[in-house]
Amino acid sequence: QVQLAESGGGLVQPGESLRLSCAGSGFNLEPYGIGWFR
């Protein structure tokens, strides 16, 4: 099935860094434009 799944979040302290991932499953992301929102 077509799905996007975010990962890599959580609790961090001010000043730290984080890398979020957006993994596609069930379809190829290559032809798609991608946006990150909050």
PDB file of all heavy atoms in Angstrom:
ATOM      1  N   GLN A   1       0.837  -1.192   0.000  1.00  0.00           N
ATOM      2  CA  GLN A   1       0.000   0.000   0.000  1.00  0.00           C
ATOM      3  C   GLN A   1       0.875   1.245   0.000  1.00  0.00           C
ATOM      4  O   GLN A   1       1.965   1.247   0.539  1.00  0.00           O
ATOM      5  CB  GLN A   1      -0.918   0.010   1.219  1.00  0.00           C
ATOM      6  CG  GLN A   1      -1.991  -1.055   1.198  1.00  0.00           C
ATOM      7  CD  GLN A   1      -2.914  -0.934   2.383  1.00  0.00           C
ATOM      8  OE1 GLN A   1      -2.483  -1.195   3.501  1.00  0.00           O
ATOM      9  NE2 GLN A   1      -4.162  -0.558   2.125  1.00  0.00           N
ATOM     10  N   VAL A   2       0.340   2.286  -0.574  1.00  0.00           N
ATOM     11  CA  VAL A   2       1.054   3.548  -0.632  1.00  0.00           C
ATOM     12  C   VAL A   2       1.078   4.175   0.751  1.00  0.00           C
ATOM     13  O   VAL A   2       0.033   4.337   1.397  1.00  0.00           O
ATOM     14  CB  VAL A   2       0.393   4.489  -1.639  1.00  0.00           C
ATOM     15  CG1 VAL A   2       1.025   5.867  -1.584  1.00  0.00           C
ATOM     16  CG2 VAL A   2       0.500   3.909  -3.040  1.00  0.00           C
ATOM     17  N   GLN A   3       2.257   4.545   1.177  1.00  0.00           N
ATOM     18  CA  GLN A   3       2.389   5.099   2.514  1.00  0.00           C
ATOM     19  C   GLN A   3       3.640   5.956   2.612  1.00  0.00           C
ATOM     20  O   GLN A   3       4.669   5.653   2.012  1.00  0.00           O
ATOM     21  CB  GLN A   3       2.451   3.970   3.549  1.00  0.00           C
ATOM     22  CG  GLN A   3       2.469   4.425   4.983  1.00  0.00           C
ATOM     23  CD  GLN A   3       2.440   3.262   5.956  1.00  0.00           C
ATOM     24  OE1 GLN A   3       2.055   2.150   5.607  1.00  0.00           O
ATOM     25  NE2 GLN A   3       2.844   3.513   7.188  1.00  0.00           N
ATOM     26  N   LEU A   4       3.530   7.025   3.381  1.00  0.00           N
ATOM     27  CA  LEU A   4       4.670   7.803   3.810  1.00  0.00           C
ATOM     28  C   LEU A   4       4.772   7.686   5.320  1.00  0.00           C
ATOM     29  O   LEU A   4       3.755   7.787   6.019  1.00  0.00           O
ATOM     30  CB  LEU A   4       4.526   9.276   3.434  1.00  0.00           C
ATOM     31  CG  LEU A   4       4.639   9.651   1.963  1.00  0.00           C
ATOM     32  CD1 LEU A   4       4.363  11.143   1.796  1.00  0.00           C
ATOM     33  CD2 LEU A   4       6.015   9.307   1.420  1.00  0.00           C
ATOM     34  N   ALA A   5       5.965   7.497   5.801  1.00  0.00           N
ATOM     35  CA  ALA A   5       6.163   7.314   7.230  1.00  0.00           C
ATOM     36  C   ALA A   5       7.324   8.166   7.706  1.00  0.00           C
ATOM     37  O   ALA A   5       8.455   7.999   7.239  1.00  0.00           O
ATOM     38  CB  ALA A   5       6.412   5.842   7.556  1.00  0.00           C
ATOM     39  N   GLU A   6       7.039   9.059   8.635  1.00  0.00           N
ATOM     40  CA  GLU A   6       8.075   9.874   9.246  1.00  0.00           C
ATOM     41  C   GLU A   6       8.703   9.124  10.411  1.00  0.00           C
ATOM     42  O   GLU A   6       8.031   8.370  11.112  1.00  0.00           O
ATOM     43  CB  GLU A   6       7.507  11.202   9.749  1.00  0.00           C
ATOM     44  CG  GLU A   6       6.849  12.073   8.682  1.00  0.00           C
ATOM     45  CD  GLU A   6       5.359  11.842   8.575  1.00  0.00           C
ATOM     46  OE1 GLU A   6       4.871  10.811   9.089  1.00  0.00           O
ATOM     47  OE2 GLU A   6       4.661  12.693   7.979  1.00  0.00           O
ATOM     48  N   SER A   7       9.963   9.378  10.625  1.00  0.00           N
ATOM     49  CA  SER A   7      10.661   8.811  11.764  1.00  0.00           C
ATOM     50  C   SER A   7      11.791   9.749  12.162  1.00  0.00           C
ATOM     51  O   SER A   7      12.141  10.675  11.429  1.00  0.00           O
ATOM     52  CB  SER A   7      11.196   7.411  11.461  1.00  0.00           C
ATOM     53  OG  SER A   7      12.141   7.442  10.408  1.00  0.00           O
ATOM     54  N   GLY A   8      12.354   9.498  13.321  1.00  0.00           N
ATOM     55  CA  GLY A   8      13.487  10.272  13.782  1.00  0.00           C
ATOM     56  C   GLY A   8      13.156  11.391  14.745  1.00  0.00           C
ATOM     57  O   GLY A   8      14.062  12.113  15.180  1.00  0.00           O
ATOM     58  N   GLY A   9      11.896  11.544  15.073  1.00  0.00           N
ATOM     59  CA  GLY A   9      11.514  12.567  16.021  1.00  0.00           C
ATOM     60  C   GLY A   9      11.735  12.122  17.452  1.00  0.00           C
ATOM     61  O   GLY A   9      12.317  11.071  17.728  1.00  0.00           O
ATOM     62  N   GLY A  10      11.263  12.938  18.363  1.00  0.00           N
ATOM     63  CA  GLY A  10      11.395  12.611  19.764  1.00  0.00           C
ATOM     64  C   GLY A  10      11.668  13.842  20.591  1.00  0.00           C
ATOM     65  O   GLY A  10      11.428  14.980  20.166  1.00  0.00           O
ATOM     66  N   LEU A  11      12.176  13.612  21.774  1.00  0.00           N
ATOM     67  CA  LEU A  11      12.478  14.672  22.720  1.00  0.00           C
ATOM     68  C   LEU A  11      13.954  15.026  22.641  1.00  0.00           C
ATOM     69  O   LEU A  11      14.820  14.155  22.780  1.00  0.00           O
ATOM     70  CB  LEU A  11      12.119  14.229  24.143  1.00  0.00           C
ATOM     71  CG  LEU A  11      12.458  15.191  25.272  1.00  0.00           C
ATOM     72  CD1 LEU A  11      11.660  16.480  25.133  1.00  0.00           C
ATOM     73  CD2 LEU A  11      12.183  14.535  26.616  1.00  0.00           C
ATOM     74  N   VAL A  12      14.231  16.296  22.417  1.00  0.00           N
ATOM     75  CA  VAL A  12      15.599  16.782  22.359  1.00  0.00           C
ATOM     76  C   VAL A  12      15.721  18.046  23.188  1.00  0.00           C
ATOM     77  O   VAL A  12      14.729  18.716  23.480  1.00  0.00           O
ATOM     78  CB  VAL A  12      16.065  17.056  20.917  1.00  0.00           C
ATOM     79  CG1 VAL A  12      16.093  15.773  20.103  1.00  0.00           C
ATOM     80  CG2 VAL A  12      15.155  18.083  20.255  1.00  0.00           C
ATOM     81  N   GLN A  13      16.943  18.370  23.524  1.00  0.00           N
ATOM     82  CA  GLN A  13      17.208  19.588  24.275  1.00  0.00           C
ATOM     83  C   GLN A  13      17.510  20.741  23.339  1.00  0.00           C
ATOM     84  O   GLN A  13      17.957  20.537  22.207  1.00  0.00           O
ATOM     85  CB  GLN A  13      18.378  19.371  25.228  1.00  0.00           C
ATOM     86  CG  GLN A  13      18.104  18.358  26.327  1.00  0.00           C
ATOM     87  CD  GLN A  13      19.270  18.204  27.271  1.00  0.00           C
ATOM     88  OE1 GLN A  13      20.413  18.459  26.901  1.00  0.00           O
ATOM     89  NE2 GLN A  13      18.988  17.785  28.492  1.00  0.00           N
ATOM     90  N   PRO A  14      17.269  21.961  23.781  1.00  0.00           N
ATOM     91  CA  PRO A  14      17.603  23.114  22.943  1.00  0.00           C
ATOM     92  C   PRO A  14      19.062  23.091  22.518  1.00  0.00           C
ATOM     93  O   PRO A  14      19.948  22.755  23.305  1.00  0.00           O
ATOM     94  CB  PRO A  14      17.302  24.307  23.849  1.00  0.00           C
ATOM     95  CG  PRO A  14      16.263  23.807  24.792  1.00  0.00           C
ATOM     96  CD  PRO A  14      16.608  22.369  25.043  1.00  0.00           C
ATOM     97  N   GLY A  15      19.296  23.436  21.258  1.00  0.00           N
ATOM     98  CA  GLY A  15      20.634  23.454  20.713  1.00  0.00           C
ATOM     99  C   GLY A  15      21.057  22.178  20.027  1.00  0.00           C
ATOM    100  O   GLY A  15      22.045  22.178  19.289  1.00  0.00           O
ATOM    101  N   GLU A  16      20.350  21.110  20.250  1.00  0.00           N
ATOM    102  CA  GLU A  16      20.692  19.839  19.626  1.00  0.00           C
ATOM    103  C   GLU A  16      20.175  19.776  18.192  1.00  0.00           C
ATOM    104  O   GLU A  16      19.412  20.625  17.745  1.00  0.00           O
ATOM    105  CB  GLU A  16      20.135  18.683  20.447  1.00  0.00           C
ATOM    106  CG  GLU A  16      20.778  18.539  21.813  1.00  0.00           C
ATOM    107  CD  GLU A  16      20.269  17.346  22.586  1.00  0.00           C
ATOM    108  OE1 GLU A  16      19.175  16.833  22.251  1.00  0.00           O
ATOM    109  OE2 GLU A  16      20.962  16.906  23.521  1.00  0.00           O
ATOM    110  N   SER A  17      20.609  18.748  17.486  1.00  0.00           N
ATOM    111  CA  SER A  17      20.211  18.536  16.105  1.00  0.00           C
ATOM    112  C   SER A  17      19.397  17.265  15.983  1.00  0.00           C
ATOM    113  O   SER A  17      19.482  16.366  16.816  1.00  0.00           O
ATOM    114  CB  SER A  17      21.441  18.447  15.199  1.00  0.00           C
ATOM    115  OG  SER A  17      22.167  19.658  15.196  1.00  0.00           O
ATOM    116  N   LEU A  18      18.644  17.207  14.916  1.00  0.00           N
ATOM    117  CA  LEU A  18      17.775  16.070  14.666  1.00  0.00           C
ATOM    118  C   LEU A  18      17.656  15.867  13.165  1.00  0.00           C
ATOM    119  O   LEU A  18      17.640  16.840  12.407  1.00  0.00           O
ATOM    120  CB  LEU A  18      16.402  16.339  15.274  1.00  0.00           C
ATOM    121  CG  LEU A  18      15.493  15.170  15.655  1.00  0.00           C
ATOM    122  CD1 LEU A  18      16.157  14.289  16.701  1.00  0.00           C
ATOM    123  CD2 LEU A  18      14.173  15.714  16.175  1.00  0.00           C
ATOM    124  N   ARG A  19      17.589  14.635  12.759  1.00  0.00           N
ATOM    125  CA  ARG A  19      17.329  14.333  11.354  1.00  0.00           C
ATOM    126  C   ARG A  19      16.062  13.509  11.246  1.00  0.00           C
ATOM    127  O   ARG A  19      15.992  12.379  11.748  1.00  0.00           O
ATOM    128  CB  ARG A  19      18.490  13.590  10.693  1.00  0.00           C
ATOM    129  CG  ARG A  19      18.304  13.462   9.170  1.00  0.00           C
ATOM    130  CD  ARG A  19      19.463  12.800   8.468  1.00  0.00           C
ATOM    131  NE  ARG A  19      19.495  11.361   8.685  1.00  0.00           N
ATOM    132  CZ  ARG A  19      20.177  10.506   7.942  1.00  0.00           C
ATOM    133  NH1 ARG A  19      20.902  10.955   6.914  1.00  0.00           N
ATOM    134  NH2 ARG A  19      20.171   9.214   8.220  1.00  0.00           N
ATOM    135  N   LEU A  20      15.080  14.085  10.609  1.00  0.00           N
ATOM    136  CA  LEU A  20      13.833  13.393  10.351  1.00  0.00           C
ATOM    137  C   LEU A  20      13.904  12.675   9.016  1.00  0.00           C
ATOM    138  O   LEU A  20      14.506  13.165   8.067  1.00  0.00           O
ATOM    139  CB  LEU A  20      12.659  14.372  10.340  1.00  0.00           C
ATOM    140  CG  LEU A  20      12.469  15.240  11.586  1.00  0.00           C
ATOM    141  CD1 LEU A  20      11.252  16.136  11.407  1.00  0.00           C
ATOM    142  CD2 LEU A  20      12.337  14.379  12.831  1.00  0.00           C
ATOM    143  N   SER A  21      13.271  11.522   8.954  1.00  0.00           N
ATOM    144  CA  SER A  21      13.212  10.747   7.726  1.00  0.00           C
ATOM    145  C   SER A  21      11.776  10.617   7.272  1.00  0.00           C
ATOM    146  O   SER A  21      10.856  10.531   8.087  1.00  0.00           O
ATOM    147  CB  SER A  21      13.805   9.347   7.935  1.00  0.00           C
ATOM    148  OG  SER A  21      15.168   9.414   8.288  1.00  0.00           O
ATOM    149  N   CYS A  22      11.604  10.599   5.972  1.00  0.00           N
ATOM    150  CA  CYS A  22      10.308  10.365   5.357  1.00  0.00           C
ATOM    151  C   CYS A  22      10.492   9.243   4.359  1.00  0.00           C
ATOM    152  O   CYS A  22      11.067   9.444   3.280  1.00  0.00           O
ATOM    153  CB  CYS A  22       9.807  11.640   4.676  1.00  0.00           C
ATOM    154  SG  CYS A  22       8.278  11.453   3.738  1.00  0.00           S
ATOM    155  N   ALA A  23      10.039   8.074   4.722  1.00  0.00           N
ATOM    156  CA  ALA A  23      10.242   6.889   3.905  1.00  0.00           C
ATOM    157  C   ALA A  23       8.971   6.535   3.144  1.00  0.00           C
ATOM    158  O   ALA A  23       7.889   6.452   3.731  1.00  0.00           O
ATOM    159  CB  ALA A  23      10.669   5.706   4.772  1.00  0.00           C
ATOM    160  N   GLY A  24       9.118   6.337   1.864  1.00  0.00           N
ATOM    161  CA  GLY A  24       8.005   5.897   1.051  1.00  0.00           C
ATOM    162  C   GLY A  24       7.949   4.387   0.987  1.00  0.00           C
ATOM    163  O   GLY A  24       8.973   3.714   0.914  1.00  0.00           O
ATOM    164  N   SER A  25       6.761   3.863   1.010  1.00  0.00           N
ATOM    165  CA  SER A  25       6.556   2.435   0.821  1.00  0.00           C
ATOM    166  C   SER A  25       5.361   2.234  -0.094  1.00  0.00           C
ATOM    167  O   SER A  25       4.396   2.989  -0.041  1.00  0.00           O
ATOM    168  CB  SER A  25       6.352   1.708   2.153  1.00  0.00           C
ATOM    169  OG  SER A  25       5.210   2.204   2.833  1.00  0.00           O
ATOM    170  N   GLY A  26       5.452   1.230  -0.930  1.00  0.00           N
ATOM    171  CA  GLY A  26       4.387   0.966  -1.870  1.00  0.00           C
ATOM    172  C   GLY A  26       4.429   1.807  -3.135  1.00  0.00           C
ATOM    173  O   GLY A  26       3.618   1.591  -4.032  1.00  0.00           O
ATOM    174  N   PHE A  27       5.340   2.755  -3.185  1.00  0.00           N
ATOM    175  CA  PHE A  27       5.512   3.557  -4.387  1.00  0.00           C
ATOM    176  C   PHE A  27       6.892   4.187  -4.379  1.00  0.00           C
ATOM    177  O   PHE A  27       7.526   4.318  -3.326  1.00  0.00           O
ATOM    178  CB  PHE A  27       4.417   4.618  -4.539  1.00  0.00           C
ATOM    179  CG  PHE A  27       4.535   5.778  -3.592  1.00  0.00           C
ATOM    180  CD1 PHE A  27       4.773   7.058  -4.076  1.00  0.00           C
ATOM    181  CD2 PHE A  27       4.381   5.609  -2.230  1.00  0.00           C
ATOM    182  CE1 PHE A  27       4.853   8.143  -3.211  1.00  0.00           C
ATOM    183  CE2 PHE A  27       4.466   6.676  -1.354  1.00  0.00           C
ATOM    184  CZ  PHE A  27       4.697   7.951  -1.854  1.00  0.00           C
ATOM    185  N   ASN A  28       7.321   4.581  -5.543  1.00  0.00           N
ATOM    186  CA  ASN A  28       8.637   5.170  -5.733  1.00  0.00           C
ATOM    187  C   ASN A  28       8.529   6.683  -5.565  1.00  0.00           C
ATOM    188  O   ASN A  28       7.756   7.333  -6.271  1.00  0.00           O
ATOM    189  CB  ASN A  28       9.172   4.809  -7.114  1.00  0.00           C
ATOM    190  CG  ASN A  28      10.608   5.228  -7.330  1.00  0.00           C
ATOM    191  OD1 ASN A  28      11.212   5.899  -6.496  1.00  0.00           O
ATOM    192  ND2 ASN A  28      11.167   4.834  -8.462  1.00  0.00           N
ATOM    193  N   LEU A  29       9.315   7.236  -4.670  1.00  0.00           N
ATOM    194  CA  LEU A  29       9.279   8.670  -4.414  1.00  0.00           C
ATOM    195  C   LEU A  29       9.952   9.503  -5.488  1.00  0.00           C
ATOM    196  O   LEU A  29       9.746  10.718  -5.535  1.00  0.00           O
ATOM    197  CB  LEU A  29       9.930   8.985  -3.070  1.00  0.00           C
ATOM    198  CG  LEU A  29       9.183   8.583  -1.802  1.00  0.00           C
ATOM    199  CD1 LEU A  29       9.991   9.010  -0.579  1.00  0.00           C
ATOM    200  CD2 LEU A  29       7.797   9.196  -1.770  1.00  0.00           C
ATOM    201  N   GLU A  30      10.736   8.886  -6.306  1.00  0.00           N
ATOM    202  CA  GLU A  30      11.565   9.637  -7.244  1.00  0.00           C
ATOM    203  C   GLU A  30      10.787  10.630  -8.109  1.00  0.00           C
ATOM    204  O   GLU A  30      11.250  11.758  -8.301  1.00  0.00           O
ATOM    205  CB  GLU A  30      12.370   8.685  -8.115  1.00  0.00           C
ATOM    206  CG  GLU A  30      13.396   9.384  -9.001  1.00  0.00           C
ATOM    207  CD  GLU A  30      14.287   8.414  -9.729  1.00  0.00           C
ATOM    208  OE1 GLU A  30      14.084   7.193  -9.610  1.00  0.00           O
ATOM    209  OE2 GLU A  30      15.208   8.883 -10.429  1.00  0.00           O
ATOM    210  N   PRO A  31       9.615  10.279  -8.638  1.00  0.00           N
ATOM    211  CA  PRO A  31       8.888  11.241  -9.475  1.00  0.00           C
ATOM    212  C   PRO A  31       8.129  12.302  -8.697  1.00  0.00           C
ATOM    213  O   PRO A  31       7.449  13.128  -9.316  1.00  0.00           O
ATOM    214  CB  PRO A  31       7.908  10.360 -10.262  1.00  0.00           C
ATOM    215  CG  PRO A  31       8.275   8.945  -9.970  1.00  0.00           C
ATOM    216  CD  PRO A  31       8.937   8.966  -8.652  1.00  0.00           C
ATOM    217  N   TYR A  32       8.209  12.302  -7.393  1.00  0.00           N
ATOM    218  CA  TYR A  32       7.413  13.195  -6.568  1.00  0.00           C
ATOM    219  C   TYR A  32       8.235  14.324  -5.980  1.00  0.00           C
ATOM    220  O   TYR A  32       9.376  14.142  -5.557  1.00  0.00           O
ATOM    221  CB  TYR A  32       6.767  12.414  -5.423  1.00  0.00           C
ATOM    222  CG  TYR A  32       5.681  11.469  -5.859  1.00  0.00           C
ATOM    223  CD1 TYR A  32       5.991  10.210  -6.344  1.00  0.00           C
ATOM    224  CD2 TYR A  32       4.345  11.843  -5.782  1.00  0.00           C
ATOM    225  CE1 TYR A  32       4.996   9.341  -6.754  1.00  0.00           C
ATOM    226  CE2 TYR A  32       3.347  10.982  -6.183  1.00  0.00           C
ATOM    227  CZ  TYR A  32       3.678   9.731  -6.667  1.00  0.00           C
ATOM    228  OH  TYR A  32       2.679   8.872  -7.059  1.00  0.00           O
ATOM    229  N   GLY A  33       7.617  15.487  -5.969  1.00  0.00           N
ATOM    230  CA  GLY A  33       8.138  16.546  -5.135  1.00  0.00           C
ATOM    231  C   GLY A  33       7.758  16.278  -3.691  1.00  0.00           C
ATOM    232  O   GLY A  33       6.699  15.708  -3.407  1.00  0.00           O
ATOM    233  N   ILE A  34       8.614  16.686  -2.778  1.00  0.00           N
ATOM    234  CA  ILE A  34       8.419  16.388  -1.367  1.00  0.00           C
ATOM    235  C   ILE A  34       8.425  17.686  -0.562  1.00  0.00           C
ATOM    236  O   ILE A  34       9.252  18.566  -0.799  1.00  0.00           O
ATOM    237  CB  ILE A  34       9.507  15.454  -0.824  1.00  0.00           C
ATOM    238  CG1 ILE A  34       9.576  14.170  -1.659  1.00  0.00           C
ATOM    239  CG2 ILE A  34       9.249  15.124   0.645  1.00  0.00           C
ATOM    240  CD1 ILE A  34       8.327  13.322  -1.606  1.00  0.00           C
ATOM    241  N   GLY A  35       7.518  17.755   0.375  1.00  0.00           N
ATOM    242  CA  GLY A  35       7.480  18.885   1.281  1.00  0.00           C
ATOM    243  C   GLY A  35       7.511  18.438   2.726  1.00  0.00           C
ATOM    244  O   GLY A  35       6.964  17.384   3.072  1.00  0.00           O
ATOM    245  N   TRP A  36       8.171  19.224   3.549  1.00  0.00           N
ATOM    246  CA  TRP A  36       8.145  19.048   4.989  1.00  0.00           C
ATOM    247  C   TRP A  36       7.353  20.189   5.608  1.00  0.00           C
ATOM    248  O   TRP A  36       7.575  21.359   5.281  1.00  0.00           O
ATOM    249  CB  TRP A  36       9.552  19.024   5.579  1.00  0.00           C
ATOM    250  CG  TRP A  36      10.246  17.710   5.471  1.00  0.00           C
ATOM    251  CD1 TRP A  36      11.173  17.340   4.552  1.00  0.00           C
ATOM    252  CD2 TRP A  36      10.086  16.586   6.339  1.00  0.00           C
ATOM    253  NE1 TRP A  36      11.611  16.064   4.775  1.00  0.00           N
ATOM    254  CE2 TRP A  36      10.949  15.576   5.880  1.00  0.00           C
ATOM    255  CE3 TRP A  36       9.301  16.334   7.461  1.00  0.00           C
ATOM    256  CZ2 TRP A  36      11.055  14.327   6.493  1.00  0.00           C
ATOM    257  CZ3 TRP A  36       9.391  15.090   8.075  1.00  0.00           C
ATOM    258  CH2 TRP A  36      10.258  14.109   7.587  1.00  0.00           C
ATOM    259  N   PHE A  37       6.468  19.839   6.503  1.00  0.00           N
ATOM    260  CA  PHE A  37       5.596  20.790   7.165  1.00  0.00           C
ATOM    261  C   PHE A  37       5.612  20.521   8.656  1.00  0.00           C
ATOM    262  O   PHE A  37       6.041  19.461   9.109  1.00  0.00           O
ATOM    263  CB  PHE A  37       4.157  20.673   6.638  1.00  0.00           C
ATOM    264  CG  PHE A  37       4.020  20.908   5.167  1.00  0.00           C
ATOM    265  CD1 PHE A  37       4.312  19.911   4.256  1.00  0.00           C
ATOM    266  CD2 PHE A  37       3.597  22.137   4.690  1.00  0.00           C
ATOM    267  CE1 PHE A  37       4.187  20.121   2.897  1.00  0.00           C
ATOM    268  CE2 PHE A  37       3.462  22.367   3.333  1.00  0.00           C
ATOM    269  CZ  PHE A  37       3.761  21.364   2.441  1.00  0.00           C
ATOM    270  N   ARG A  38       5.130  21.482   9.397  1.00  0.00           N
ATOM    271  CA  ARG A  38       4.948  21.265  10.825  1.00  0.00           C
ATOM    272  C   ARG A  38       3.717  22.015  11.301  1.00  0.00           C
ATOM    273  O   ARG A  38       3.289  22.990  10.694  1.00  0.00           O
ATOM    274  CB  ARG A  38       6.176  21.708  11.629  1.00  0.00           C
ATOM    275  CG  ARG A  38       6.389  23.212  11.699  1.00  0.00           C
ATOM    276  CD  ARG A  38       7.667  23.540  12.457  1.00  0.00           C
ATOM    277  NE  ARG A  38       7.908  24.972  12.510  1.00  0.00           N
ATOM    278  CZ  ARG A  38       9.029  25.521  12.943  1.00  0.00           C
ATOM    279  NH1 ARG A  38      10.031  24.744  13.367  1.00  0.00           N
ATOM    280  NH2 ARG A  38       9.169  26.843  12.964  1.00  0.00           N
TER     281      ARG A  38
END
